[in-house]
Amino acid sequence: IGSTIRQLHIRAKEHMNTSTSSVFKHKLICLGSHFSFKILAQSSEAPILRLKEAMFIKTMRPQLNNKLEYEALQHFLF
């Protein structure tokens, strides 16, 4: 789970081609797997977008999001 203010297909392509990305690393582990990206929520305001991201990470607990990423977003949660 992540957030971006750019178009999804551009951000997804960056993830798929950046060796330090968690998505890229996951792609290597799951060779041949089909990847898809989905918009879970939208906002035109960056703080609201980050809040929504933090809430989704907290409730869904995805494996690709690391603990440091969650801790960085915790201040957005109540």
N, C-alpha and C. Protein backbone atom coordinates (compact mmCIF):
# COMPACT_ATOMS: atom_id res chain seq x y z
N ILE A 1 0.86 -1.17 0.00
CA ILE A 1 0.00 0.00 0.00
C ILE A 1 0.90 1.22 0.00
N GLY A 2 0.60 2.14 -0.88
CA GLY A 2 1.39 3.34 -0.98
C GLY A 2 0.55 4.49 -1.48
N SER A 3 1.14 5.64 -1.56
CA SER A 3 0.41 6.80 -2.06
C SER A 3 1.28 7.53 -3.06
N THR A 4 0.61 8.17 -3.99
CA THR A 4 1.30 8.99 -4.98
C THR A 4 0.33 10.06 -5.48
N ILE A 5 0.87 11.18 -5.85
CA ILE A 5 0.04 12.23 -6.44
C ILE A 5 0.14 12.17 -7.97
N ARG A 6 0.99 11.26 -8.46
CA ARG A 6 1.15 11.11 -9.91
C ARG A 6 0.22 10.03 -10.45
N GLN A 7 0.19 9.86 -11.75
CA GLN A 7 -0.65 8.85 -12.35
C GLN A 7 -0.17 7.46 -11.93
N LEU A 8 -1.13 6.57 -11.65
CA LEU A 8 -0.82 5.25 -11.13
C LEU A 8 0.10 4.46 -12.05
N HIS A 9 -0.14 4.49 -13.35
CA HIS A 9 0.68 3.68 -14.26
C HIS A 9 2.14 4.13 -14.26
N ILE A 10 2.39 5.40 -14.04
CA ILE A 10 3.78 5.90 -13.98
C ILE A 10 4.44 5.40 -12.70
N ARG A 11 3.76 5.51 -11.57
CA ARG A 11 4.32 5.06 -10.29
C ARG A 11 4.53 3.55 -10.28
N ALA A 12 3.59 2.80 -10.83
CA ALA A 12 3.71 1.33 -10.89
C ALA A 12 4.92 0.93 -11.73
N LYS A 13 5.11 1.60 -12.85
CA LYS A 13 6.26 1.30 -13.72
C LYS A 13 7.57 1.57 -12.98
N GLU A 14 7.62 2.66 -12.22
CA GLU A 14 8.83 2.96 -11.43
C GLU A 14 9.11 1.85 -10.42
N HIS A 15 8.07 1.40 -9.73
CA HIS A 15 8.24 0.31 -8.76
C HIS A 15 8.77 -0.95 -9.43
N MET A 16 8.24 -1.26 -10.59
CA MET A 16 8.62 -2.50 -11.28
C MET A 16 10.05 -2.44 -11.82
N ASN A 17 10.62 -1.26 -11.94
CA ASN A 17 11.96 -1.10 -12.52
C ASN A 17 13.01 -0.57 -11.55
N THR A 18 12.67 -0.43 -10.27
CA THR A 18 13.60 0.10 -9.28
C THR A 18 13.98 -1.01 -8.31
N SER A 19 15.25 -1.41 -8.34
CA SER A 19 15.69 -2.58 -7.57
C SER A 19 15.56 -2.43 -6.05
N THR A 20 15.44 -1.21 -5.55
CA THR A 20 15.29 -1.01 -4.10
C THR A 20 13.83 -1.02 -3.66
N SER A 21 12.92 -1.08 -4.61
CA SER A 21 11.49 -1.07 -4.31
C SER A 21 11.05 -2.42 -3.75
N SER A 22 10.18 -2.40 -2.74
CA SER A 22 9.62 -3.63 -2.19
C SER A 22 8.83 -4.39 -3.26
N VAL A 23 8.16 -3.67 -4.13
CA VAL A 23 7.40 -4.30 -5.21
C VAL A 23 8.34 -5.02 -6.16
N PHE A 24 9.45 -4.41 -6.51
CA PHE A 24 10.45 -5.03 -7.38
C PHE A 24 10.99 -6.31 -6.75
N LYS A 25 11.33 -6.24 -5.46
CA LYS A 25 11.86 -7.41 -4.75
C LYS A 25 10.82 -8.53 -4.70
N HIS A 26 9.57 -8.17 -4.48
CA HIS A 26 8.49 -9.16 -4.46
C HIS A 26 8.33 -9.81 -5.83
N LYS A 27 8.48 -9.00 -6.87
CA LYS A 27 8.39 -9.52 -8.24
C LYS A 27 9.45 -10.58 -8.49
N LEU A 28 10.66 -10.39 -7.96
CA LEU A 28 11.73 -11.36 -8.13
C LEU A 28 11.42 -12.68 -7.41
N ILE A 29 10.83 -12.59 -6.24
CA ILE A 29 10.48 -13.78 -5.47
C ILE A 29 9.36 -14.56 -6.15
N CYS A 30 8.41 -13.87 -6.70
CA CYS A 30 7.22 -14.50 -7.31
C CYS A 30 7.35 -14.49 -8.83
N LEU A 31 8.42 -15.04 -9.34
CA LEU A 31 8.67 -15.05 -10.78
C LEU A 31 7.45 -15.56 -11.54
N GLY A 32 7.11 -14.85 -12.59
CA GLY A 32 6.00 -15.24 -13.43
C GLY A 32 4.63 -14.83 -12.92
N SER A 33 4.59 -14.25 -11.75
CA SER A 33 3.29 -13.83 -11.19
C SER A 33 2.78 -12.59 -11.91
N HIS A 34 1.48 -12.52 -12.01
CA HIS A 34 0.84 -11.34 -12.59
C HIS A 34 0.68 -10.29 -11.50
N PHE A 35 1.04 -9.06 -11.79
CA PHE A 35 0.90 -7.97 -10.83
C PHE A 35 -0.20 -7.04 -11.28
N SER A 36 -0.94 -6.56 -10.34
CA SER A 36 -1.93 -5.53 -10.64
C SER A 36 -1.88 -4.50 -9.51
N PHE A 37 -2.26 -3.31 -9.84
CA PHE A 37 -2.30 -2.22 -8.89
C PHE A 37 -3.74 -1.70 -8.86
N LYS A 38 -4.18 -1.27 -7.69
CA LYS A 38 -5.56 -0.86 -7.52
C LYS A 38 -5.61 0.42 -6.69
N ILE A 39 -6.44 1.35 -7.09
CA ILE A 39 -6.64 2.58 -6.33
C ILE A 39 -7.66 2.28 -5.24
N LEU A 40 -7.24 2.43 -3.99
CA LEU A 40 -8.11 2.16 -2.85
C LEU A 40 -8.84 3.42 -2.38
N ALA A 41 -8.22 4.57 -2.56
CA ALA A 41 -8.81 5.84 -2.12
C ALA A 41 -8.12 6.97 -2.87
N GLN A 42 -8.77 8.11 -2.91
CA GLN A 42 -8.19 9.28 -3.58
C GLN A 42 -8.38 10.51 -2.72
N SER A 43 -7.48 11.46 -2.92
CA SER A 43 -7.61 12.77 -2.30
C SER A 43 -6.71 13.74 -3.05
N SER A 44 -7.13 14.96 -3.16
CA SER A 44 -6.30 15.98 -3.80
C SER A 44 -5.40 16.67 -2.78
N GLU A 45 -5.57 16.32 -1.49
CA GLU A 45 -4.77 16.92 -0.42
C GLU A 45 -3.79 15.88 0.12
N ALA A 46 -2.48 16.20 0.07
CA ALA A 46 -1.44 15.26 0.47
C ALA A 46 -1.61 14.73 1.90
N PRO A 47 -1.92 15.58 2.91
CA PRO A 47 -2.08 15.04 4.27
C PRO A 47 -3.22 14.02 4.37
N ILE A 48 -4.31 14.27 3.67
CA ILE A 48 -5.45 13.34 3.68
C ILE A 48 -5.05 12.04 3.00
N LEU A 49 -4.30 12.14 1.92
CA LEU A 49 -3.82 10.95 1.20
C LEU A 49 -2.93 10.11 2.11
N ARG A 50 -2.04 10.75 2.84
CA ARG A 50 -1.14 10.03 3.76
C ARG A 50 -1.94 9.39 4.91
N LEU A 51 -2.96 10.07 5.39
CA LEU A 51 -3.82 9.52 6.43
C LEU A 51 -4.51 8.25 5.92
N LYS A 52 -5.05 8.32 4.74
CA LYS A 52 -5.72 7.15 4.16
C LYS A 52 -4.74 6.00 3.97
N GLU A 53 -3.53 6.31 3.52
CA GLU A 53 -2.50 5.29 3.36
C GLU A 53 -2.20 4.61 4.71
N ALA A 54 -2.02 5.41 5.75
CA ALA A 54 -1.73 4.87 7.08
C ALA A 54 -2.86 3.99 7.58
N MET A 55 -4.09 4.41 7.35
CA MET A 55 -5.24 3.63 7.79
C MET A 55 -5.31 2.28 7.07
N PHE A 56 -5.07 2.28 5.77
CA PHE A 56 -5.08 1.02 5.02
C PHE A 56 -3.96 0.09 5.47
N ILE A 57 -2.78 0.63 5.72
CA ILE A 57 -1.66 -0.19 6.19
C ILE A 57 -2.00 -0.79 7.55
N LYS A 58 -2.58 0.02 8.43
CA LYS A 58 -2.92 -0.46 9.77
C LYS A 58 -3.97 -1.56 9.72
N THR A 59 -5.00 -1.39 8.92
CA THR A 59 -6.09 -2.36 8.90
C THR A 59 -5.79 -3.60 8.05
N MET A 60 -5.07 -3.43 6.96
CA MET A 60 -4.84 -4.55 6.05
C MET A 60 -3.53 -5.30 6.32
N ARG A 61 -2.59 -4.64 6.97
CA ARG A 61 -1.29 -5.23 7.32
C ARG A 61 -0.64 -5.97 6.14
N PRO A 62 -0.42 -5.29 5.03
CA PRO A 62 0.19 -5.95 3.87
C PRO A 62 1.65 -6.32 4.13
N GLN A 63 2.08 -7.42 3.58
CA GLN A 63 3.44 -7.91 3.78
C GLN A 63 4.49 -7.00 3.15
N LEU A 64 4.15 -6.29 2.09
CA LEU A 64 5.14 -5.47 1.40
C LEU A 64 5.47 -4.17 2.12
N ASN A 65 4.60 -3.73 3.00
CA ASN A 65 4.89 -2.52 3.77
C ASN A 65 5.72 -2.90 4.99
N ASN A 66 6.83 -2.18 5.17
CA ASN A 66 7.70 -2.51 6.30
C ASN A 66 7.33 -1.71 7.55
N LYS A 67 7.89 -2.13 8.67
CA LYS A 67 7.57 -1.50 9.96
C LYS A 67 7.95 -0.02 9.98
N LEU A 68 9.09 0.33 9.40
CA LEU A 68 9.53 1.73 9.40
C LEU A 68 8.55 2.61 8.64
N GLU A 69 8.02 2.08 7.55
CA GLU A 69 7.05 2.83 6.77
C GLU A 69 5.78 3.10 7.59
N TYR A 70 5.33 2.09 8.30
CA TYR A 70 4.14 2.24 9.14
C TYR A 70 4.39 3.24 10.25
N GLU A 71 5.56 3.16 10.90
CA GLU A 71 5.88 4.08 11.99
C GLU A 71 5.93 5.52 11.50
N ALA A 72 6.42 5.72 10.29
CA ALA A 72 6.49 7.07 9.72
C ALA A 72 5.10 7.65 9.50
N LEU A 73 4.11 6.79 9.29
CA LEU A 73 2.75 7.25 9.03
C LEU A 73 1.88 7.30 10.28
N GLN A 74 2.35 6.74 11.39
CA GLN A 74 1.53 6.66 12.60
C GLN A 74 1.04 8.00 13.11
N HIS A 75 1.81 9.05 12.92
CA HIS A 75 1.37 10.36 13.43
C HIS A 75 0.14 10.88 12.70
N PHE A 76 -0.25 10.23 11.58
CA PHE A 76 -1.46 10.62 10.87
C PHE A 76 -2.69 9.96 11.49
N LEU A 77 -2.48 8.94 12.34
CA LEU A 77 -3.59 8.21 12.93
C LEU A 77 -3.98 8.81 14.27
N PHE A 78 -5.20 8.63 14.63
CA PHE A 78 -5.73 9.20 15.88
C PHE A 78 -5.42 8.28 17.04
